[in-house]
Amino acid sequence: MSTLLRVDASIRLEGSVSRALADSAEAAWRAEHPDGIVVRRDLGQHPLSATVWPTLARAQVLGQDAVTEEDRQALAEAQAVAAEVVAEVKNADAILLAIPLYNYGIAQHVKTWIDLLLIDRDLVYGSQPLAGRPAIFALARGGGYGPGTPKHGWDHATPYLERIFGDVFGMTIRTAAAELTLAPVTPGMEELIDASKVSESAAHVEAETHGTTVARELIGRAA
């Protein structure tokens, strides 16, 4: 029995394209693997405290002896949060990340989550338990950022996610990305509505394909 960790980051529930893409990937994964377990972390609805990582980093740099008595409880709480976050990732056979592009990058609550992973030395420098495991990116971008577009290169989220989960953690990444998602609701983007629908439709197909492929891979490994 395999475990899929699904992490959502959209601050929206209704109308979220990244959540919808993740739904497609998860449904396809479940269809192939009905006995599989899905663990959820919703960063958009339940963000981690922005003070957790600085608290841990300060103790790591200065050493436990430098932590004052009044800071010890905050450190203990931060360590408990980090341990839970890292355990979820380490225990997952596959990860499904539903991440929207906010202000040309990832949101603060996503960065906090990733920072807690990066502070765990085993994930980065030790046995690297995530190496070779599959990750599905369900990405939504409000505008167009491909070659030839006015904002080509302005998407700073996707390269960062690929760097961390692909290059640092060694995971095998599959991406389903919808662009121009703000066209239906943004004045001046009306002529891009049809293109946005095409992009979103294709992304759902990719998400379903990735969900199916990852589930079959995990079943094959367990056989």
Protein backbone atom coordinates (compact mmCIF):
# COMPACT_ATOMS: atom_id res chain seq x y z
CA MET A 1 0.00 0.00 0.00
CA SER A 2 1.43 3.35 -1.08
CA THR A 3 1.07 6.82 0.40
CA LEU A 4 0.51 9.98 -1.63
CA LEU A 5 1.21 13.28 0.14
CA ARG A 6 -0.90 16.04 -1.36
CA VAL A 7 0.11 19.61 -0.56
CA ASP A 8 -2.19 22.46 -1.61
CA ALA A 9 -1.06 26.07 -1.55
CA SER A 10 -3.86 28.10 -3.13
CA ILE A 11 -5.50 30.61 -0.81
CA ARG A 12 -8.74 29.90 -2.68
CA LEU A 13 -11.02 26.88 -2.43
CA GLU A 14 -13.65 27.70 -5.04
CA GLY A 15 -12.21 28.42 -8.46
CA SER A 16 -8.67 27.30 -7.70
CA VAL A 17 -7.10 25.86 -10.83
CA SER A 18 -4.15 24.30 -9.02
CA ARG A 19 -6.53 22.47 -6.66
CA ALA A 20 -8.62 21.29 -9.61
CA LEU A 21 -5.54 19.95 -11.38
CA ALA A 22 -4.47 18.16 -8.22
CA ASP A 23 -7.99 16.70 -7.97
CA SER A 24 -7.55 15.24 -11.46
CA ALA A 25 -4.17 13.76 -10.60
CA GLU A 26 -5.42 12.36 -7.29
CA ALA A 27 -8.54 10.84 -8.87
CA ALA A 28 -6.42 9.09 -11.50
CA TRP A 29 -4.03 7.87 -8.81
CA ARG A 30 -6.93 6.52 -6.72
CA ALA A 31 -8.48 4.80 -9.74
CA GLU A 32 -5.31 2.76 -10.18
CA HIS A 33 -4.57 2.42 -6.49
CA PRO A 34 -7.90 2.39 -4.55
CA ASP A 35 -6.23 1.00 -1.42
CA GLY A 36 -3.60 3.75 -1.38
CA ILE A 37 -3.45 6.37 1.37
CA VAL A 38 -3.69 10.10 0.69
CA VAL A 39 -2.22 12.40 3.33
CA ARG A 40 -3.17 16.06 2.99
CA ARG A 41 -1.48 19.29 4.02
CA ASP A 42 -3.29 22.48 3.06
CA LEU A 43 -0.84 25.34 3.30
CA GLY A 44 -3.28 27.76 1.72
CA GLN A 45 -5.95 27.23 4.38
CA HIS A 46 -3.66 26.31 7.28
CA PRO A 47 -0.30 28.07 6.77
CA LEU A 48 2.65 27.28 8.98
CA SER A 49 3.86 30.04 11.26
CA ALA A 50 6.49 32.22 9.61
CA THR A 51 8.47 32.17 12.87
CA VAL A 52 9.11 28.42 12.86
CA TRP A 53 12.05 28.39 10.46
CA PRO A 54 13.87 31.43 11.95
CA THR A 55 13.54 29.86 15.40
CA LEU A 56 15.08 26.59 14.21
CA ALA A 57 17.75 28.29 12.12
CA ARG A 58 18.81 30.53 15.00
CA ALA A 59 19.23 27.54 17.31
CA GLN A 60 21.11 25.63 14.63
CA VAL A 61 23.54 28.49 13.99
CA LEU A 62 24.04 29.61 17.59
CA GLY A 63 23.74 26.19 19.20
CA GLN A 64 21.26 24.90 21.77
CA ASP A 65 23.28 26.41 24.64
CA ALA A 66 22.63 29.90 23.30
CA VAL A 67 18.85 29.48 23.48
CA THR A 68 17.43 31.44 26.41
CA GLU A 69 14.96 29.92 28.83
CA GLU A 70 12.08 32.02 27.50
CA ASP A 71 12.88 30.83 23.97
CA ARG A 72 13.02 27.14 24.82
CA GLN A 73 9.29 26.57 24.54
CA ALA A 74 9.16 28.34 21.18
CA LEU A 75 12.07 26.18 20.01
CA ALA A 76 10.38 22.99 21.23
CA GLU A 77 7.18 23.93 19.42
CA ALA A 78 9.10 24.75 16.24
CA GLN A 79 10.94 21.44 16.40
CA ALA A 80 7.66 19.57 16.76
CA VAL A 81 6.18 21.31 13.70
CA ALA A 82 9.30 20.64 11.63
CA ALA A 83 9.39 17.00 12.69
CA GLU A 84 5.78 16.55 11.58
CA VAL A 85 6.39 18.23 8.22
CA VAL A 86 9.55 16.24 7.51
CA ALA A 87 7.95 12.96 8.58
CA GLU A 88 5.05 13.49 6.18
CA VAL A 89 7.46 13.94 3.30
CA LYS A 90 9.76 11.07 4.25
CA ASN A 91 6.82 8.70 4.70
CA ALA A 92 5.29 9.54 1.34
CA ASP A 93 5.89 7.26 -1.62
CA ALA A 94 4.89 10.12 -3.93
CA ILE A 95 4.19 13.83 -3.53
CA LEU A 96 1.51 15.88 -5.31
CA LEU A 97 2.17 19.63 -5.12
CA ALA A 98 -0.62 22.01 -6.11
CA ILE A 99 1.11 25.38 -6.36
CA PRO A 100 -0.22 28.61 -7.92
CA LEU A 101 2.12 31.32 -9.16
CA TYR A 102 1.76 34.34 -6.87
CA ASN A 103 3.58 37.59 -7.70
CA TYR A 104 5.89 35.70 -10.09
CA GLY A 105 7.06 33.24 -7.43
CA ILE A 106 5.94 30.91 -4.66
CA ALA A 107 3.95 32.27 -1.73
CA GLN A 108 5.51 32.77 1.68
CA HIS A 109 3.60 29.84 3.16
CA VAL A 110 5.09 27.50 0.53
CA LYS A 111 8.58 28.85 1.15
CA THR A 112 8.18 28.26 4.90
CA TRP A 113 7.20 24.63 4.28
CA ILE A 114 10.16 24.09 1.95
CA ASP A 115 12.55 25.80 4.38
CA LEU A 116 11.54 23.31 7.07
CA LEU A 117 12.43 20.48 4.69
CA LEU A 118 15.77 22.05 3.79
CA ILE A 119 16.80 22.43 7.42
CA ASP A 120 16.62 18.63 7.79
CA ARG A 121 20.17 17.51 7.01
CA ASP A 122 19.15 13.94 6.20
CA LEU A 123 16.94 15.09 3.32
CA VAL A 124 19.67 17.26 1.86
CA TYR A 125 23.02 15.80 2.87
CA GLY A 126 22.31 12.44 4.48
CA SER A 127 20.66 9.34 3.06
CA GLN A 128 18.47 11.50 0.76
CA PRO A 129 15.39 9.29 1.21
CA LEU A 130 13.41 11.11 -1.47
CA ALA A 131 15.84 10.29 -4.28
CA GLY A 132 14.05 8.54 -7.12
CA ARG A 133 10.58 9.04 -5.69
CA PRO A 134 7.93 10.63 -7.94
CA ALA A 135 6.62 14.17 -7.55
CA ILE A 136 3.70 15.62 -9.50
CA PHE A 137 3.51 19.39 -9.89
CA ALA A 138 0.00 20.78 -10.46
CA LEU A 139 0.78 24.40 -11.33
CA ALA A 140 -1.41 27.38 -12.18
CA ARG A 141 -0.16 30.63 -13.69
CA GLY A 142 -2.43 33.60 -14.14
CA GLY A 143 -0.59 34.90 -17.20
CA GLY A 144 1.52 33.54 -20.03
CA TYR A 145 5.20 32.94 -19.38
CA GLY A 146 6.33 30.75 -22.26
CA PRO A 147 8.91 31.60 -24.94
CA GLY A 148 7.83 34.54 -27.06
CA THR A 149 5.49 36.02 -24.45
CA PRO A 150 6.12 39.48 -22.95
CA LYS A 151 6.73 37.93 -19.53
CA HIS A 152 8.86 35.00 -20.59
CA GLY A 153 11.23 34.27 -17.71
CA TRP A 154 9.05 35.94 -15.09
CA ASP A 155 7.90 32.61 -13.66
CA HIS A 156 10.32 32.21 -10.77
CA ALA A 157 8.28 29.48 -9.05
CA THR A 158 8.65 26.56 -11.45
CA PRO A 159 12.47 26.68 -11.75
CA TYR A 160 12.78 26.95 -7.96
CA LEU A 161 10.47 23.98 -7.35
CA GLU A 162 12.38 21.95 -9.93
CA ARG A 163 15.69 22.89 -8.33
CA ILE A 164 14.57 21.87 -4.83
CA PHE A 165 12.60 18.71 -5.54
CA GLY A 166 14.56 17.58 -8.57
CA ASP A 167 18.15 18.64 -7.97
CA VAL A 168 18.30 18.82 -4.16
CA PHE A 169 15.97 15.96 -3.20
CA GLY A 170 16.55 13.91 -6.35
CA MET A 171 12.88 13.28 -7.05
CA THR A 172 11.47 12.41 -10.47
CA ILE A 173 9.23 15.33 -11.48
CA ARG A 174 6.17 15.34 -13.72
CA THR A 175 4.41 18.64 -14.36
CA ALA A 176 0.90 19.63 -15.34
CA ALA A 177 0.69 23.41 -15.74
CA ALA A 178 -2.19 25.65 -16.77
CA GLU A 179 -1.44 29.18 -17.97
CA LEU A 180 -3.55 32.30 -18.54
CA THR A 181 -5.87 31.22 -15.72
CA LEU A 182 -6.78 34.84 -14.92
CA ALA A 183 -8.00 35.57 -18.45
CA PRO A 184 -11.69 34.84 -17.73
CA VAL A 185 -11.78 37.31 -14.82
CA THR A 186 -9.27 40.01 -15.77
CA PRO A 187 -10.17 43.08 -17.89
CA GLY A 188 -7.89 43.34 -20.91
CA MET A 189 -7.31 39.57 -21.14
CA GLU A 190 -10.59 38.75 -22.91
CA GLU A 191 -8.87 37.74 -26.15
CA LEU A 192 -6.88 35.11 -24.22
CA ILE A 193 -9.87 33.32 -22.71
CA ASP A 194 -9.97 30.64 -25.41
CA ALA A 195 -6.25 30.02 -25.05
CA SER A 196 -6.66 29.75 -21.28
CA LYS A 197 -9.33 27.10 -21.70
CA VAL A 198 -7.12 25.11 -24.06
CA SER A 199 -4.20 25.33 -21.63
CA GLU A 200 -6.31 24.29 -18.65
CA SER A 201 -7.89 21.39 -20.51
CA ALA A 202 -4.50 20.09 -21.62
CA ALA A 203 -3.17 20.44 -18.08
CA HIS A 204 -5.99 18.28 -16.71
CA VAL A 205 -5.14 15.58 -19.24
CA GLU A 206 -1.49 15.76 -18.17
CA ALA A 207 -2.45 15.66 -14.48
CA GLU A 208 -4.57 12.55 -15.01
CA THR A 209 -1.79 10.89 -17.01
CA HIS A 210 0.76 11.66 -14.31
CA GLY A 211 -1.53 10.35 -11.58
CA THR A 212 -2.04 7.10 -13.47
CA THR A 213 1.63 6.68 -14.30
CA VAL A 214 2.83 7.30 -10.76
CA ALA A 215 0.27 4.91 -9.28
CA ARG A 216 1.28 2.15 -11.70
CA GLU A 217 4.95 2.72 -10.94
CA LEU A 218 4.36 2.40 -7.21
CA ILE A 219 2.26 -0.73 -7.65
CA GLY A 220 4.98 -2.20 -9.85
CA ARG A 221 7.66 -1.50 -7.24
CA ALA A 222 5.58 -3.14 -4.53
CA ALA A 223 4.84 -6.24 -6.61
